Amino acid sequence: MLIDVKEFDAMGAFKVIKNRKGSATITWVVSLPVFLLIFLFLGGLTSAGMTYASTKQAADAGSIAATKKLDEWLLQDSRVQGKLSEIIPDTGENLTNSEKLNSLEKKLLAKVAQELLKQREDELKEYVRMYVQKNGAAPSGKITFPVHDKHIQVEAKTSFQPVGLEEFFQGEFIDGKGLGPEREYLNLLPEGTYTIEY
């Protein structure tokens, strides 16, 4: 029995094409887990970035709140009020709290600030905690000042739970730090004089 060469070539080509289709399918099926891992990795990175931005925002809110609260306490102190009325008796109402404080002697403010912090540390903790939680961070962290000479820094943290990878990151947090506005009187205190856990 003779086999026609053309028929044989056609059958061989058909087998090769069939084998190629099978190889492509197998390659595609095998590569699915790789693509899934890449997708989960990119999703985790995106989640980490978003969580960090949110945590930093919460820390910024806490540090601004701490600075404003300290300003408020200073302006309520009788010694500061007395000095302030001597320097700016009539025009004081048009000035912001920071402008009022900047017009006073820095040594007096630093001394009064230290006294107030010793007396009202717990109140400051609760105030910062409230602002940090309002902005989505965990209810614990750290307040440090002065930092970079003139700032109050708040550290906040947020639970890290990337979609699809929660079980691998249980109990993990992303930290963020926020700096409040500058206050000249803080420059007179040594760097990191106060570290308060809230």
Protein backbone atom coordinates (compact mmCIF):
# COMPACT_ATOMS: atom_id res chain seq x y z
CA MET A 1 0.00 0.00 0.00
CA LEU A 2 1.41 3.32 -1.05
CA ILE A 3 0.83 6.49 0.97
CA ASP A 4 0.51 9.68 -0.95
CA VAL A 5 3.22 12.15 0.15
CA LYS A 6 0.79 15.07 0.00
CA GLU A 7 -1.62 13.30 2.34
CA PHE A 8 1.18 12.49 4.77
CA ASP A 9 2.39 16.08 4.84
CA ALA A 10 -1.13 17.35 5.41
CA MET A 11 -1.65 14.92 8.30
CA GLY A 12 1.71 15.82 9.84
CA ALA A 13 0.96 19.50 9.55
CA PHE A 14 -2.43 18.93 11.14
CA LYS A 15 -0.81 17.09 14.04
CA VAL A 16 1.73 19.89 14.51
CA ILE A 17 -1.00 22.54 14.51
CA LYS A 18 -3.03 20.47 16.93
CA ASN A 19 -0.01 20.12 19.22
CA ARG A 20 0.63 23.85 19.10
CA LYS A 21 -2.94 24.59 20.15
CA GLY A 22 -2.55 22.23 23.08
CA SER A 23 0.75 23.85 24.08
CA ALA A 24 -0.77 27.33 24.02
CA THR A 25 -3.65 26.20 26.21
CA ILE A 26 -1.34 24.50 28.69
CA THR A 27 0.94 27.56 28.79
CA TRP A 28 -2.05 29.83 29.36
CA VAL A 29 -3.42 27.63 32.17
CA VAL A 30 -0.01 27.35 33.84
CA SER A 31 0.57 31.12 33.64
CA LEU A 32 -2.78 32.01 35.31
CA PRO A 33 -1.38 31.64 38.85
CA VAL A 34 1.59 33.82 37.88
CA PHE A 35 -0.74 36.55 36.61
CA LEU A 36 -2.85 36.20 39.76
CA LEU A 37 0.25 36.64 41.95
CA ILE A 38 1.31 39.72 39.96
CA PHE A 39 -2.20 41.14 40.29
CA LEU A 40 -2.23 40.52 44.07
CA PHE A 41 1.24 42.08 44.42
CA LEU A 42 0.23 45.22 42.51
CA GLY A 43 -3.03 45.40 44.48
CA GLY A 44 -1.04 45.10 47.73
CA LEU A 45 1.29 47.93 46.68
CA THR A 46 -1.66 50.15 45.80
CA SER A 47 -3.33 49.33 49.11
CA ALA A 48 -0.12 50.10 51.02
CA GLY A 49 0.19 53.46 49.28
CA MET A 50 -3.40 54.41 50.01
CA THR A 51 -3.13 53.27 53.63
CA TYR A 52 0.08 55.27 54.11
CA ALA A 53 -1.53 58.43 52.67
CA SER A 54 -4.51 58.00 54.99
CA THR A 55 -2.25 57.39 58.02
CA LYS A 56 -0.14 60.46 57.23
CA GLN A 57 -3.28 62.57 56.95
CA ALA A 58 -4.42 61.34 60.38
CA ALA A 59 -0.99 62.11 61.87
CA ASP A 60 -1.04 65.62 60.33
CA ALA A 61 -4.50 66.24 61.80
CA GLY A 62 -3.30 65.08 65.22
CA SER A 63 -0.19 67.29 65.16
CA ILE A 64 -2.12 70.37 64.07
CA ALA A 65 -4.71 69.70 66.80
CA ALA A 66 -1.95 69.31 69.44
CA THR A 67 -0.31 72.60 68.40
CA LYS A 68 -3.58 74.51 68.44
CA LYS A 69 -4.53 73.05 71.82
CA LEU A 70 -1.18 74.09 73.31
CA ASP A 71 -1.64 77.60 71.84
CA GLU A 72 -5.10 77.77 73.40
CA TRP A 73 -3.80 76.74 76.82
CA LEU A 74 -0.98 79.27 76.66
CA LEU A 75 -3.36 82.11 75.81
CA GLN A 76 -5.61 81.14 78.75
CA ASP A 77 -2.70 81.33 81.23
CA SER A 78 -2.83 84.48 83.40
CA ARG A 79 0.92 85.19 83.03
CA VAL A 80 0.68 85.08 79.25
CA GLN A 81 -2.52 87.15 79.24
CA GLY A 82 -0.85 89.81 81.42
CA LYS A 83 2.17 90.11 79.11
CA LEU A 84 -0.05 90.09 76.05
CA SER A 85 -2.21 92.96 77.32
CA GLU A 86 0.95 95.02 77.96
CA ILE A 87 2.27 94.52 74.44
CA ILE A 88 -0.93 94.64 72.35
CA PRO A 89 -3.68 96.17 74.49
CA ASP A 90 -6.27 97.09 71.82
CA THR A 91 -5.41 95.37 68.53
CA GLY A 92 -5.11 91.86 69.95
CA GLU A 93 -8.55 90.79 68.77
CA ASN A 94 -7.56 91.05 65.10
CA LEU A 95 -4.54 88.76 65.49
CA THR A 96 -4.48 84.98 65.18
CA ASN A 97 -3.36 82.90 68.18
CA SER A 98 0.02 82.20 66.59
CA GLU A 99 0.58 85.92 65.87
CA LYS A 100 -0.25 86.75 69.48
CA LEU A 101 2.17 84.12 70.77
CA ASN A 102 4.93 85.21 68.38
CA SER A 103 4.78 88.70 69.86
CA LEU A 104 5.61 87.41 73.37
CA GLU A 105 8.91 86.51 75.01
CA LYS A 106 9.86 82.97 74.00
CA LYS A 107 11.36 82.05 77.39
CA LEU A 108 8.11 82.80 79.17
CA LEU A 109 6.12 80.74 76.66
CA ALA A 110 8.51 77.78 76.86
CA LYS A 111 8.35 77.81 80.68
CA VAL A 112 4.55 78.05 80.78
CA ALA A 113 4.21 75.38 78.05
CA GLN A 114 6.29 72.92 80.09
CA GLU A 115 4.18 73.55 83.19
CA LEU A 116 0.93 73.15 81.25
CA LEU A 117 2.07 69.90 79.65
CA LYS A 118 2.91 68.38 83.01
CA GLN A 119 -0.53 69.32 84.33
CA ARG A 120 -2.59 68.49 81.23
CA GLU A 121 -0.78 65.63 79.53
CA ASP A 122 -3.78 63.29 79.71
CA GLU A 123 -6.04 65.92 78.18
CA LEU A 124 -3.60 66.40 75.29
CA LYS A 125 -3.47 62.62 74.72
CA GLU A 126 -7.25 62.38 74.49
CA TYR A 127 -7.47 65.41 72.20
CA VAL A 128 -4.88 64.02 69.77
CA ARG A 129 -6.41 60.53 69.90
CA MET A 130 -9.81 61.98 68.97
CA TYR A 131 -8.43 63.73 65.87
CA VAL A 132 -6.33 60.76 64.77
CA GLN A 133 -9.30 58.39 65.06
CA LYS A 134 -11.61 60.81 63.22
CA ASN A 135 -9.19 60.52 60.30
CA GLY A 136 -9.22 56.71 60.28
CA ALA A 137 -6.07 55.75 62.22
CA ALA A 138 -5.71 53.48 65.26
CA PRO A 139 -6.33 55.02 68.73
CA SER A 140 -2.68 54.74 69.79
CA GLY A 141 0.56 56.39 68.75
CA LYS A 142 3.13 58.90 69.92
CA ILE A 143 3.42 62.68 70.35
CA THR A 144 6.96 64.07 70.26
CA PHE A 145 8.17 67.67 70.54
CA PRO A 146 9.96 69.71 69.72
CA VAL A 147 10.98 68.05 66.46
CA HIS A 148 13.10 69.87 63.89
CA ASP A 149 13.32 72.64 66.52
CA LYS A 150 9.84 74.14 66.20
CA HIS A 151 7.24 71.44 65.56
CA ILE A 152 5.03 68.98 67.38
CA GLN A 153 5.12 65.59 65.67
CA VAL A 154 2.40 62.98 65.93
CA GLU A 155 2.92 59.36 64.89
CA ALA A 156 -0.15 57.39 63.89
CA LYS A 157 -0.72 53.88 62.57
CA THR A 158 -3.37 52.13 60.51
CA SER A 159 -4.06 48.42 60.13
CA PHE A 160 -2.79 47.08 56.78
CA GLN A 161 -5.32 44.75 55.11
CA PRO A 162 -4.70 44.41 51.35
CA VAL A 163 -7.59 42.75 49.50
CA GLY A 164 -6.97 39.04 49.03
CA LEU A 165 -3.93 38.99 51.31
CA GLU A 166 -5.54 39.75 54.68
CA GLU A 167 -4.48 36.46 56.24
CA PHE A 168 -0.80 37.16 55.49
CA PHE A 169 -0.85 40.63 57.09
CA GLN A 170 -2.83 40.07 60.29
CA GLY A 171 -1.67 42.44 63.02
CA GLU A 172 0.43 44.52 60.60
CA PHE A 173 0.28 48.33 60.63
CA ILE A 174 1.48 51.14 58.41
CA ASP A 175 2.98 54.09 60.28
CA GLY A 176 2.77 57.76 59.38
CA LYS A 177 4.22 60.94 60.90
CA GLY A 178 2.74 64.42 60.80
CA LEU A 179 4.24 67.78 61.74
CA GLY A 180 2.21 70.64 63.15
CA PRO A 181 2.87 74.30 62.35
CA GLU A 182 6.05 75.98 63.60
CA ARG A 183 6.08 77.59 67.02
CA GLU A 184 9.12 79.72 67.87
CA TYR A 185 8.94 79.07 71.62
CA LEU A 186 9.46 75.33 71.02
CA ASN A 187 12.93 76.22 69.72
CA LEU A 188 14.04 76.87 73.32
CA LEU A 189 13.37 73.26 74.38
CA PRO A 190 15.93 70.53 73.59
CA GLU A 191 15.00 68.29 70.62
CA GLY A 192 12.55 65.59 71.69
CA THR A 193 12.02 66.94 75.22
CA TYR A 194 8.60 65.30 75.38
CA THR A 195 7.57 61.89 74.08
CA ILE A 196 4.02 61.05 75.05
CA GLU A 197 2.33 57.76 74.20
CA TYR A 198 -1.39 58.19 73.55
